[in-house]
Each structure stands twice: as C-alpha cells, then as structure tokens.
C-alpha atoms as a PDB file:
ATOM      1  CA  MET A   1     -77.185 -80.359 -62.777  1.00  0.00           C
ATOM      2  CA  PHE A   2     -78.201 -76.639 -63.064  1.00  0.00           C
ATOM      3  CA  VAL A   3     -77.948 -74.212 -59.694  1.00  0.00           C
ATOM      4  CA  VAL A   4     -79.361 -71.180 -59.662  1.00  0.00           C
ATOM      5  CA  VAL A   5     -78.224 -68.398 -57.393  1.00  0.00           C
ATOM      6  CA  SER A   6     -80.155 -65.235 -56.677  1.00  0.00           C
ATOM      7  CA  LEU A   7     -77.736 -62.309 -56.965  1.00  0.00           C
ATOM      8  CA  SER A   8     -79.038 -60.569 -54.924  1.00  0.00           C
ATOM      9  CA  GLN A   9     -79.298 -60.512 -51.016  1.00  0.00           C
ATOM     10  CA  GLU A  10     -81.804 -60.350 -48.606  1.00  0.00           C
ATOM     11  CA  PHE A  11     -83.277 -56.756 -47.896  1.00  0.00           C
ATOM     12  CA  HIS A  12     -83.082 -56.637 -44.469  1.00  0.00           C
ATOM     13  CA  SER A  13     -80.351 -56.733 -42.074  1.00  0.00           C
ATOM     14  CA  HIS A  14     -80.348 -57.144 -38.301  1.00  0.00           C
ATOM     15  CA  SER A  15     -76.668 -54.613 -38.589  1.00  0.00           C
ATOM     16  CA  VAL A  16     -78.756 -51.886 -39.853  1.00  0.00           C
ATOM     17  CA  LEU A  17     -81.900 -52.393 -37.325  1.00  0.00           C
ATOM     18  CA  GLU A  18     -79.153 -52.311 -34.475  1.00  0.00           C
ATOM     19  CA  LEU A  19     -77.772 -48.551 -36.599  1.00  0.00           C
ATOM     20  CA  LEU A  20     -81.431 -47.673 -36.685  1.00  0.00           C
ATOM     21  CA  HIS A  21     -82.065 -48.599 -32.788  1.00  0.00           C
ATOM     22  CA  ASN A  22     -79.270 -46.720 -32.007  1.00  0.00           C
ATOM     23  CA  LEU A  23     -79.795 -43.503 -33.683  1.00  0.00           C
ATOM     24  CA  PRO A  24     -80.878 -40.076 -30.934  1.00  0.00           C
ATOM     25  CA  ASP A  25     -84.086 -38.793 -31.429  1.00  0.00           C
ATOM     26  CA  LEU A  26     -86.026 -41.190 -33.514  1.00  0.00           C
ATOM     27  CA  THR A  27     -89.517 -40.374 -34.385  1.00  0.00           C
ATOM     28  CA  TRP A  28     -90.997 -44.039 -35.530  1.00  0.00           C
ATOM     29  CA  SER A  29     -89.995 -47.731 -34.532  1.00  0.00           C
ATOM     30  CA  PRO A  30     -87.822 -49.496 -37.163  1.00  0.00           C
ATOM     31  CA  GLY A  31     -88.406 -53.235 -37.225  1.00  0.00           C
ATOM     32  CA  PHE A  32     -88.447 -56.192 -39.493  1.00  0.00           C
ATOM     33  CA  PRO A  33     -92.428 -55.534 -41.570  1.00  0.00           C
ATOM     34  CA  ALA A  34     -93.521 -58.988 -42.060  1.00  0.00           C
ATOM     35  CA  HIS A  35     -94.806 -57.813 -45.923  1.00  0.00           C
ATOM     36  CA  PHE A  36     -91.022 -57.775 -46.977  1.00  0.00           C
ATOM     37  CA  LYS A  37     -89.659 -61.287 -45.219  1.00  0.00           C
ATOM     38  CA  GLY A  38     -86.927 -63.096 -46.682  1.00  0.00           C
ATOM     39  CA  LYS A  39     -87.087 -61.173 -49.607  1.00  0.00           C
ATOM     40  CA  SER A  40     -84.475 -59.505 -52.042  1.00  0.00           C
ATOM     41  CA  GLU A  41     -82.926 -55.990 -52.794  1.00  0.00           C
ATOM     42  CA  ASP A  42     -84.759 -56.122 -56.232  1.00  0.00           C
ATOM     43  CA  GLN A  43     -88.127 -57.236 -54.696  1.00  0.00           C
ATOM     44  CA  PHE A  44     -88.716 -54.552 -52.459  1.00  0.00           C
ATOM     45  CA  ARG A  45     -87.257 -52.186 -55.470  1.00  0.00           C
ATOM     46  CA  SER A  46     -89.810 -53.563 -57.500  1.00  0.00           C
ATOM     47  CA  ALA A  47     -92.603 -52.366 -55.075  1.00  0.00           C
ATOM     48  CA  LEU A  48     -91.381 -49.064 -55.938  1.00  0.00           C
ATOM     49  CA  LEU A  49     -90.611 -46.945 -58.724  1.00  0.00           C
ATOM     50  CA  PRO A  50     -87.242 -46.894 -60.660  1.00  0.00           C
ATOM     51  CA  PHE A  51     -86.865 -43.099 -59.937  1.00  0.00           C
ATOM     52  CA  ILE A  52     -88.308 -40.232 -58.106  1.00  0.00           C
ATOM     53  CA  PRO A  53     -91.783 -39.209 -60.196  1.00  0.00           C
ATOM     54  CA  TYR A  54     -90.244 -35.856 -62.007  1.00  0.00           C
ATOM     55  CA  GLN A  55     -92.642 -32.894 -60.659  1.00  0.00           C
ATOM     56  CA  SER A  56     -96.072 -31.916 -63.125  1.00  0.00           C
ATOM     57  CA  THR A  57     -94.979 -29.250 -65.970  1.00  0.00           C
ATOM     58  CA  MET A  58     -98.668 -27.883 -64.665  1.00  0.00           C
ATOM     59  CA  GLN A  59     -99.119 -24.720 -62.846  1.00  0.00           C
ATOM     60  CA  LYS A  60     -99.524 -25.260 -58.970  1.00  0.00           C
ATOM     61  CA  THR A  61    -103.273 -24.462 -57.460  1.00  0.00           C
ATOM     62  CA  ARG A  62    -102.948 -22.489 -54.430  1.00  0.00           C
ATOM     63  CA  LEU A  63    -105.980 -23.369 -52.273  1.00  0.00           C
ATOM     64  CA  LEU A  64    -106.887 -21.261 -49.896  1.00  0.00           C
ATOM     65  CA  GLY A  65    -109.511 -21.286 -46.286  1.00  0.00           C
ATOM     66  CA  ALA A  66    -109.630 -22.268 -42.934  1.00  0.00           C
ATOM     67  CA  ALA A  67    -108.177 -25.496 -42.431  1.00  0.00           C
ATOM     68  CA  PRO A  68    -108.607 -27.188 -39.143  1.00  0.00           C
ATOM     69  CA  GLU A  69    -105.303 -27.651 -36.858  1.00  0.00           C
ATOM     70  CA  ALA A  70    -106.431 -31.700 -37.784  1.00  0.00           C
ATOM     71  CA  PHE A  71    -108.236 -33.897 -40.257  1.00  0.00           C
ATOM     72  CA  SER A  72    -108.196 -37.234 -40.849  1.00  0.00           C
ATOM     73  CA  TRP A  73    -110.773 -39.313 -43.636  1.00  0.00           C
ATOM     74  CA  LEU A  74    -110.171 -42.474 -41.309  1.00  0.00           C
ATOM     75  CA  ASP A  75    -111.819 -41.039 -38.602  1.00  0.00           C
ATOM     76  CA  ALA A  76    -114.673 -38.335 -41.381  1.00  0.00           C
ATOM     77  CA  LYS A  77    -115.474 -41.548 -43.365  1.00  0.00           C
ATOM     78  CA  PRO A  78    -113.171 -45.000 -42.399  1.00  0.00           C
ATOM     79  CA  HIS A  79    -115.594 -46.870 -44.356  1.00  0.00           C
ATOM     80  CA  CYS A  80    -114.717 -45.272 -47.122  1.00  0.00           C
ATOM     81  CA  LEU A  81    -110.950 -45.896 -47.525  1.00  0.00           C
ATOM     82  CA  LYS A  82    -109.507 -49.020 -48.182  1.00  0.00           C
ATOM     83  CA  VAL A  83    -105.671 -50.613 -48.125  1.00  0.00           C
ATOM     84  CA  ARG A  84    -104.689 -52.413 -51.513  1.00  0.00           C
ATOM     85  CA  ASP A  85    -101.441 -54.772 -52.139  1.00  0.00           C
ATOM     86  CA  GLN A  86     -99.598 -53.735 -55.217  1.00  0.00           C
ATOM     87  CA  ASP A  87     -97.687 -56.820 -54.363  1.00  0.00           C
ATOM     88  CA  LEU A  88     -94.076 -57.039 -56.793  1.00  0.00           C
ATOM     89  CA  CYS A  89     -95.459 -55.000 -59.750  1.00  0.00           C
ATOM     90  CA  GLY A  90     -94.703 -51.194 -58.944  1.00  0.00           C
ATOM     91  CA  ALA A  91     -98.073 -50.127 -59.497  1.00  0.00           C
ATOM     92  CA  CYS A  92     -97.726 -47.660 -56.338  1.00  0.00           C
ATOM     93  CA  TRP A  93     -99.251 -45.074 -58.902  1.00  0.00           C
ATOM     94  CA  ALA A  94    -101.847 -46.631 -60.070  1.00  0.00           C
ATOM     95  CA  PHE A  95    -102.932 -48.080 -56.812  1.00  0.00           C
ATOM     96  CA  SER A  96    -102.153 -44.621 -55.707  1.00  0.00           C
ATOM     97  CA  SER A  97    -104.942 -42.166 -58.122  1.00  0.00           C
ATOM     98  CA  VAL A  98    -106.785 -45.291 -58.619  1.00  0.00           C
ATOM     99  CA  GLY A  99    -107.040 -45.419 -54.481  1.00  0.00           C
ATOM    100  CA  ALA A 100    -107.828 -41.399 -53.983  1.00  0.00           C
ATOM    101  CA  PHE A 101    -110.473 -41.496 -56.582  1.00  0.00           C
ATOM    102  CA  SER A 102    -112.766 -43.873 -55.150  1.00  0.00           C
ATOM    103  CA  ASP A 103    -112.377 -42.660 -52.093  1.00  0.00           C
ATOM    104  CA  ASN A 104    -113.248 -39.377 -53.764  1.00  0.00           C
ATOM    105  CA  ARG A 105    -116.258 -40.857 -55.749  1.00  0.00           C
ATOM    106  CA  CYS A 106    -117.478 -42.591 -51.888  1.00  0.00           C
ATOM    107  CA  PHE A 107    -116.551 -39.179 -49.818  1.00  0.00           C
ATOM    108  CA  HIS A 108    -119.194 -36.871 -52.204  1.00  0.00           C
ATOM    109  CA  GLY A 109    -121.824 -39.789 -52.241  1.00  0.00           C
ATOM    110  CA  LYS A 110    -120.924 -40.387 -56.294  1.00  0.00           C
ATOM    111  CA  ASP A 111    -121.253 -43.791 -55.125  1.00  0.00           C
ATOM    112  CA  ALA A 112    -123.702 -45.345 -51.983  1.00  0.00           C
ATOM    113  CA  ALA A 113    -121.262 -47.384 -50.848  1.00  0.00           C
ATOM    114  CA  ARG A 114    -116.900 -47.519 -51.349  1.00  0.00           C
ATOM    115  CA  VAL A 115    -116.648 -49.562 -54.917  1.00  0.00           C
ATOM    116  CA  THR A 116    -112.900 -50.289 -55.679  1.00  0.00           C
ATOM    117  CA  TYR A 117    -112.197 -48.896 -59.230  1.00  0.00           C
ATOM    118  CA  SER A 118    -109.113 -50.935 -61.540  1.00  0.00           C
ATOM    119  CA  GLU A 119    -106.386 -51.084 -60.687  1.00  0.00           C
ATOM    120  CA  GLN A 120    -104.706 -53.388 -63.121  1.00  0.00           C
ATOM    121  CA  PHE A 121    -106.866 -51.483 -66.567  1.00  0.00           C
ATOM    122  CA  MET A 122    -104.638 -48.014 -65.440  1.00  0.00           C
ATOM    123  CA  VAL A 123    -101.679 -50.763 -65.435  1.00  0.00           C
ATOM    124  CA  SER A 124    -101.806 -52.687 -68.707  1.00  0.00           C
ATOM    125  CA  CYS A 125    -103.876 -49.705 -70.235  1.00  0.00           C
ATOM    126  CA  ASP A 126    -101.926 -46.695 -69.439  1.00  0.00           C
ATOM    127  CA  MET A 127     -99.835 -46.096 -72.345  1.00  0.00           C
ATOM    128  CA  GLY A 128     -98.790 -42.559 -70.718  1.00  0.00           C
ATOM    129  CA  SER A 129     -96.307 -44.840 -68.393  1.00  0.00           C
ATOM    130  CA  SER A 130     -94.946 -48.336 -68.459  1.00  0.00           C
ATOM    131  CA  GLY A 131     -96.900 -50.867 -66.167  1.00  0.00           C
ATOM    132  CA  CYS A 132     -95.133 -52.571 -63.412  1.00  0.00           C
ATOM    133  CA  GLY A 133     -92.253 -50.683 -64.846  1.00  0.00           C
ATOM    134  CA  GLY A 134     -93.851 -47.296 -63.276  1.00  0.00           C
ATOM    135  CA  THR A 135     -94.220 -43.696 -64.492  1.00  0.00           C
ATOM    136  CA  HIS A 136     -92.148 -40.500 -64.594  1.00  0.00           C
ATOM    137  CA  TYR A 137     -95.575 -38.186 -63.685  1.00  0.00           C
ATOM    138  CA  LEU A 138     -97.741 -38.912 -61.348  1.00  0.00           C
ATOM    139  CA  SER A 139    -100.596 -36.527 -63.539  1.00  0.00           C
ATOM    140  CA  ALA A 140    -100.095 -39.310 -66.077  1.00  0.00           C
ATOM    141  CA  PRO A 141    -102.188 -40.702 -64.021  1.00  0.00           C
ATOM    142  CA  GLN A 142    -104.206 -38.634 -63.378  1.00  0.00           C
ATOM    143  CA  LYS A 143    -104.681 -37.725 -67.340  1.00  0.00           C
ATOM    144  CA  PHE A 144    -105.820 -41.310 -68.227  1.00  0.00           C
ATOM    145  CA  LEU A 145    -108.623 -41.391 -65.550  1.00  0.00           C
ATOM    146  CA  LYS A 146    -110.117 -37.844 -66.978  1.00  0.00           C
ATOM    147  CA  LYS A 147    -109.406 -38.838 -70.248  1.00  0.00           C
ATOM    148  CA  THR A 148    -110.587 -42.402 -70.735  1.00  0.00           C
ATOM    149  CA  GLY A 149    -111.678 -43.882 -67.023  1.00  0.00           C
ATOM    150  CA  VAL A 150    -111.348 -46.718 -65.371  1.00  0.00           C
ATOM    151  CA  PRO A 151    -113.616 -49.756 -64.408  1.00  0.00           C
ATOM    152  CA  THR A 152    -114.492 -51.791 -61.387  1.00  0.00           C
ATOM    153  CA  GLU A 153    -111.820 -54.326 -59.679  1.00  0.00           C
ATOM    154  CA  GLU A 154    -115.140 -56.369 -59.627  1.00  0.00           C
ATOM    155  CA  CYS A 155    -115.106 -55.904 -63.709  1.00  0.00           C
ATOM    156  CA  VAL A 156    -111.048 -56.482 -64.754  1.00  0.00           C
ATOM    157  CA  SER A 157    -109.685 -57.853 -60.786  1.00  0.00           C
ATOM    158  CA  TYR A 158    -105.610 -57.397 -60.149  1.00  0.00           C
ATOM    159  CA  LYS A 159    -103.584 -59.951 -61.242  1.00  0.00           C
ATOM    160  CA  SER A 160    -100.113 -58.402 -62.336  1.00  0.00           C
ATOM    161  CA  GLY A 161     -99.381 -58.406 -58.569  1.00  0.00           C
ATOM    162  CA  PRO A 162     -97.552 -61.512 -57.910  1.00  0.00           C
ATOM    163  CA  THR A 163     -96.353 -62.312 -61.124  1.00  0.00           C
ATOM    164  CA  ASN A 164     -94.956 -58.507 -62.001  1.00  0.00           C
ATOM    165  CA  ILE A 165     -96.232 -58.282 -65.840  1.00  0.00           C
ATOM    166  CA  THR A 166     -97.852 -55.611 -66.725  1.00  0.00           C
ATOM    167  CA  GLY A 167    -100.527 -57.476 -69.469  1.00  0.00           C
ATOM    168  CA  LYS A 168    -102.433 -56.570 -72.052  1.00  0.00           C
ATOM    169  CA  CYS A 169    -104.875 -53.827 -72.360  1.00  0.00           C
ATOM    170  CA  PRO A 170    -108.425 -55.832 -71.334  1.00  0.00           C
ATOM    171  CA  SER A 171    -111.534 -55.131 -74.140  1.00  0.00           C
ATOM    172  CA  LYS A 172    -114.140 -57.591 -71.481  1.00  0.00           C
ATOM    173  CA  CYS A 173    -114.241 -57.349 -67.718  1.00  0.00           C
ATOM    174  CA  ASP A 174    -112.934 -60.968 -65.988  1.00  0.00           C
ATOM    175  CA  ASP A 175    -116.335 -62.418 -66.840  1.00  0.00           C
ATOM    176  CA  GLY A 176    -117.032 -61.476 -70.781  1.00  0.00           C
ATOM    177  CA  SER A 177    -119.331 -58.354 -70.006  1.00  0.00           C
ATOM    178  CA  ALA A 178    -119.186 -55.351 -71.618  1.00  0.00           C
ATOM    179  CA  ILE A 179    -116.228 -52.116 -69.691  1.00  0.00           C
ATOM    180  CA  LYS A 180    -118.161 -49.561 -68.307  1.00  0.00           C
ATOM    181  CA  LEU A 181    -115.273 -46.368 -67.668  1.00  0.00           C
ATOM    182  CA  VAL A 182    -115.743 -44.393 -64.776  1.00  0.00           C
ATOM    183  CA  LYS A 183    -114.015 -40.865 -65.599  1.00  0.00           C
ATOM    184  CA  SER A 184    -112.831 -38.255 -63.067  1.00  0.00           C
ATOM    185  CA  VAL A 185    -113.815 -34.583 -63.605  1.00  0.00           C
ATOM    186  CA  THR A 186    -110.716 -32.474 -63.422  1.00  0.00           C
ATOM    187  CA  PHE A 187    -107.799 -33.386 -61.696  1.00  0.00           C
ATOM    188  CA  GLU A 188    -105.189 -30.562 -60.150  1.00  0.00           C
ATOM    189  CA  ASP A 189    -101.929 -30.324 -58.670  1.00  0.00           C
ATOM    190  CA  VAL A 190    -103.042 -28.635 -54.515  1.00  0.00           C
ATOM    191  CA  CYS A 191     -98.592 -28.831 -53.468  1.00  0.00           C
ATOM    192  CA  SER A 192     -97.662 -24.897 -53.368  1.00  0.00           C
ATOM    193  CA  ASN A 193     -97.417 -25.085 -50.438  1.00  0.00           C
ATOM    194  CA  GLU A 194     -98.553 -26.924 -46.931  1.00  0.00           C
ATOM    195  CA  GLU A 195    -101.868 -25.564 -46.202  1.00  0.00           C
ATOM    196  CA  SER A 196    -102.471 -25.664 -49.566  1.00  0.00           C
ATOM    197  CA  ILE A 197    -102.326 -29.370 -49.457  1.00  0.00           C
ATOM    198  CA  LYS A 198    -104.319 -29.125 -45.885  1.00  0.00           C
ATOM    199  CA  VAL A 199    -107.278 -27.210 -47.590  1.00  0.00           C
ATOM    200  CA  ALA A 200    -107.266 -30.120 -49.989  1.00  0.00           C
ATOM    201  CA  LEU A 201    -107.550 -32.970 -47.812  1.00  0.00           C
ATOM    202  CA  THR A 202    -110.585 -31.596 -46.534  1.00  0.00           C
ATOM    203  CA  GLN A 203    -112.660 -32.022 -49.700  1.00  0.00           C
ATOM    204  CA  GLY A 204    -110.488 -35.443 -50.687  1.00  0.00           C
ATOM    205  CA  SER A 205    -107.827 -38.207 -50.665  1.00  0.00           C
ATOM    206  CA  VAL A 206    -104.454 -36.216 -52.045  1.00  0.00           C
ATOM    207  CA  GLN A 207    -102.238 -38.705 -54.665  1.00  0.00           C
ATOM    208  CA  THR A 208     -98.227 -37.901 -53.573  1.00  0.00           C
ATOM    209  CA  GLY A 209     -94.942 -39.185 -54.099  1.00  0.00           C
ATOM    210  CA  PHE A 210     -91.604 -39.555 -51.955  1.00  0.00           C
ATOM    211  CA  ALA A 211     -87.980 -40.841 -52.240  1.00  0.00           C
ATOM    212  CA  VAL A 212     -87.526 -43.858 -50.721  1.00  0.00           C
ATOM    213  CA  TYR A 213     -84.361 -44.517 -48.651  1.00  0.00           C
ATOM    214  CA  THR A 214     -83.739 -47.818 -47.650  1.00  0.00           C
ATOM    215  CA  ASP A 215     -84.522 -46.859 -43.531  1.00  0.00           C
ATOM    216  CA  PHE A 216     -88.255 -46.649 -45.148  1.00  0.00           C
ATOM    217  CA  GLY A 217     -87.821 -50.446 -45.536  1.00  0.00           C
ATOM    218  CA  TYR A 218     -87.196 -51.177 -42.089  1.00  0.00           C
ATOM    219  CA  TYR A 219     -90.455 -48.374 -41.670  1.00  0.00           C
ATOM    220  CA  MET A 220     -92.896 -50.226 -38.434  1.00  0.00           C
ATOM    221  CA  LYS A 221     -95.268 -47.156 -37.056  1.00  0.00           C
ATOM    222  CA  GLY A 222     -94.443 -43.673 -36.153  1.00  0.00           C
ATOM    223  CA  ILE A 223     -93.558 -40.146 -37.425  1.00  0.00           C
ATOM    224  CA  TYR A 224     -90.907 -41.030 -40.507  1.00  0.00           C
ATOM    225  CA  GLN A 225     -88.111 -39.131 -40.802  1.00  0.00           C
ATOM    226  CA  HIS A 226     -85.135 -39.729 -43.190  1.00  0.00           C
ATOM    227  CA  LYS A 227     -82.091 -41.675 -40.776  1.00  0.00           C
ATOM    228  CA  TYR A 228     -80.356 -43.448 -42.961  1.00  0.00           C
ATOM    229  CA  GLY A 229     -79.895 -45.512 -45.934  1.00  0.00           C
ATOM    230  CA  ARG A 230     -79.567 -44.916 -49.934  1.00  0.00           C
ATOM    231  CA  GLN A 231     -82.909 -43.953 -52.544  1.00  0.00           C
ATOM    232  CA  GLU A 232     -83.630 -47.078 -53.507  1.00  0.00           C
ATOM    233  CA  GLY A 233     -86.231 -45.161 -55.981  1.00  0.00           C
ATOM    234  CA  GLY A 234     -89.814 -43.549 -55.735  1.00  0.00           C
ATOM    235  CA  HIS A 235     -93.565 -44.721 -54.658  1.00  0.00           C
ATOM    236  CA  ALA A 236     -96.199 -42.502 -55.259  1.00  0.00           C
ATOM    237  CA  VAL A 237     -98.839 -42.931 -52.138  1.00  0.00           C
ATOM    238  CA  THR A 238    -101.726 -40.847 -51.095  1.00  0.00           C
ATOM    239  CA  PHE A 239    -102.226 -37.863 -48.566  1.00  0.00           C
ATOM    240  CA  VAL A 240    -105.625 -39.018 -46.394  1.00  0.00           C
ATOM    241  CA  GLY A 241    -104.714 -36.747 -43.653  1.00  0.00           C
ATOM    242  CA  TYR A 242    -102.158 -34.841 -41.349  1.00  0.00           C
ATOM    243  CA  GLY A 243    -102.233 -34.206 -37.487  1.00  0.00           C
ATOM    244  CA  GLN A 244     -99.235 -33.500 -35.083  1.00  0.00           C
ATOM    245  CA  GLU A 245     -98.223 -35.567 -31.943  1.00  0.00           C
ATOM    246  CA  ASN A 246     -95.630 -34.897 -28.838  1.00  0.00           C
ATOM    247  CA  GLY A 247     -95.493 -31.236 -31.049  1.00  0.00           C
ATOM    248  CA  VAL A 248     -94.414 -32.958 -34.339  1.00  0.00           C
ATOM    249  CA  LYS A 249     -96.525 -32.539 -37.101  1.00  0.00           C
ATOM    250  CA  TYR A 250     -96.696 -34.995 -39.754  1.00  0.00           C
ATOM    251  CA  TRP A 251     -99.370 -36.066 -42.806  1.00  0.00           C
ATOM    252  CA  VAL A 252    -101.420 -39.747 -42.738  1.00  0.00           C
ATOM    253  CA  VAL A 253    -100.708 -41.182 -45.952  1.00  0.00           C
ATOM    254  CA  ARG A 254    -101.514 -44.861 -46.564  1.00  0.00           C
ATOM    255  CA  ASN A 255     -99.348 -47.091 -48.707  1.00  0.00           C
ATOM    256  CA  SER A 256    -100.018 -50.430 -51.155  1.00  0.00           C
ATOM    257  CA  TRP A 257     -98.529 -52.507 -49.568  1.00  0.00           C
ATOM    258  CA  GLY A 258    -101.346 -54.188 -47.701  1.00  0.00           C
ATOM    259  CA  GLU A 259    -102.775 -54.218 -44.240  1.00  0.00           C
ATOM    260  CA  THR A 260    -100.106 -56.119 -42.446  1.00  0.00           C
ATOM    261  CA  TRP A 261     -97.642 -53.220 -43.180  1.00  0.00           C
ATOM    262  CA  GLY A 262     -97.212 -49.743 -40.659  1.00  0.00           C
ATOM    263  CA  GLU A 263     -99.886 -48.440 -39.340  1.00  0.00           C
ATOM    264  CA  ASN A 264    -102.678 -50.912 -40.328  1.00  0.00           C
ATOM    265  CA  GLY A 265    -100.757 -49.898 -44.174  1.00  0.00           C
ATOM    266  CA  TYR A 266    -100.529 -46.396 -43.134  1.00  0.00           C
ATOM    267  CA  PHE A 267     -97.942 -44.149 -42.442  1.00  0.00           C
ATOM    268  CA  ARG A 268     -97.124 -40.926 -41.346  1.00  0.00           C
ATOM    269  CA  ILE A 269     -94.704 -38.500 -42.200  1.00  0.00           C
ATOM    270  CA  LEU A 270     -92.768 -35.232 -40.957  1.00  0.00           C
ATOM    271  CA  ARG A 271     -94.932 -32.542 -42.101  1.00  0.00           C
ATOM    272  CA  GLY A 272     -94.389 -29.086 -43.632  1.00  0.00           C
ATOM    273  CA  VAL A 273     -90.241 -29.856 -44.168  1.00  0.00           C
ATOM    274  CA  ASN A 274     -91.153 -31.322 -47.805  1.00  0.00           C
ATOM    275  CA  GLU A 275     -89.800 -34.764 -45.997  1.00  0.00           C
ATOM    276  CA  CYS A 276     -88.270 -37.235 -48.559  1.00  0.00           C
ATOM    277  CA  GLY A 277     -89.999 -34.600 -51.439  1.00  0.00           C
ATOM    278  CA  ILE A 278     -93.043 -35.642 -50.292  1.00  0.00           C
ATOM    279  CA  GLU A 279     -94.707 -32.025 -50.809  1.00  0.00           C
ATOM    280  CA  ASP A 280     -93.114 -31.609 -53.889  1.00  0.00           C
ATOM    281  CA  ALA A 281     -96.456 -32.134 -56.138  1.00  0.00           C
ATOM    282  CA  CYS A 282     -99.398 -34.082 -55.210  1.00  0.00           C
ATOM    283  CA  TYR A 283    -102.966 -33.907 -56.933  1.00  0.00           C
ATOM    284  CA  LEU A 284    -106.444 -34.131 -55.546  1.00  0.00           C
ATOM    285  CA  SER A 285    -109.035 -34.906 -58.180  1.00  0.00           C
ATOM    286  CA  THR A 286    -112.306 -33.720 -59.305  1.00  0.00           C
ATOM    287  CA  VAL A 287    -114.896 -36.819 -59.469  1.00  0.00           C
END
C-alpha cells in the first residue's frame, strides 16, 4: 500500500493571522479568504507568477490632461466590467490583459454589450509567454493582442483553471466552427507617474503587475499595503479606478480570483507610492 504525503503545508496560518490583527495602523482587514480555504502553499503560488514581471524596455508614455480627484469604471460603466477566476493556472497575465481589452471594447462601444474574450486562447497560443507558467513581460500579452488577437470566450472557453495545464493552441472553436480573431489597435506603457495613470484610467482599464507577499493572501477588504511576510511571487491585475478614503489615496484594482474574493473580486491598494511595484509598468490598450 502506498501513502501519498503532501510536502506543502496549508497556506493559511492562525499565528500569521493573529500577528496581522495585532499590527498597528493597518488600513485593511486580514482574514482567511474562502478562495484559498484548504489550499497548500504550492497551490497559492500556482495562482501567481513565479517571478515579478520585468519592466518593459519600451518607452513610457506620459499622458497629460486633467483627471478628476476620484474615478472608477465601477461607477461609470459597471455593466462593462466582469470578474473572472483563473483558478490554479498562473494565467493572471492573460486574464488582466484580455480582461482590460474586453472592458475597453465595451467602454468605447466597439461591442454592443460586454463581450468576454478568450483568456484560454492566449494562454495556449501566445508563444511569447509560458501559459500557466506565467510571462516575463506584461508587454508580451499586449503584443499578442495587437498582432494576433483573441476570439470570444464563447468560442474558446477557459479550461486550464482546474488542471493547471496550458493546453494546445486550438485551431477551431469548441463547437468546431471557425475561429474569428479580434485585435487591439496598439498599446502603451502609461506608468510614467501617478497622474499619467489617472489620465489613462479615464480612457480605459489598465493592466499592471505587482509583487505578492504572504500577507496579501490574507486580504479581505480595505486599502492594502504590505506589512508582513516574504515575497511569494508576482501577479498581474487590472487598474479600474482610484480614490481616497480617510486621507489615504488608493487604486481600485480587479483581481482574477473570482467574485467572492476581496471586495467583490476587487481590492484597493495604496496609490502614489509604488506599493509593491504596482506603478512600475502598466499598459493601456487602444481598441
């Protein structure tokens, strides 16, 4: 008889939670998110990039203009936004880029209603990235959207989540019909400064990435700032707005861990201080 023993312990720890609760001046609420209930450390890390995405070598664009004090697409056009769940596959890079692309096509009337485009097609077909193994540059999926494009989720549905398997690049839709690809026009790195990102957000959702530390795995709500733990990996997400609460400035960010995680699938993070590198490189796609 063979006994299988897991070498990776459960990610959540009561001692870590107690430590977080006892930290002074915490601007966010820690807990045990149901999304990671019973998950091991390895399973938590599988939803991340194994490294922090490198900064793009492309020149940054400094967008100029008057941005309002606060803005969120959750208020402006909530029907255009949708939270997805990448599950165990480290495909955050695809979910954040394709998600922003889907948002922006809806914001600008390119689609009559919000159409979800296929993350799976990008995961399986973008040779400039490593599927469920992540990507080195967040500019890679942006290049794929511009040069190749993606079909709709209805055509190629997401399958890598439960298996953490990248899968082969499909030549047809799930139902056997022909794949029709939709491309972006162009993209630019708008992370030259805080004001540039704010101006960009009045034009659309913006893909970004940041370093994930142990304490982020305990985030429930509030304005996140790193307080405890080691770096667990990198993560790609989507800026959708910004604001201020009790004098604390924040970005509104969509995650890809389902609607039950965080603040209905979103989180807030300190703005203007490059918290966890979230203002290092970020991409606005033109649709």
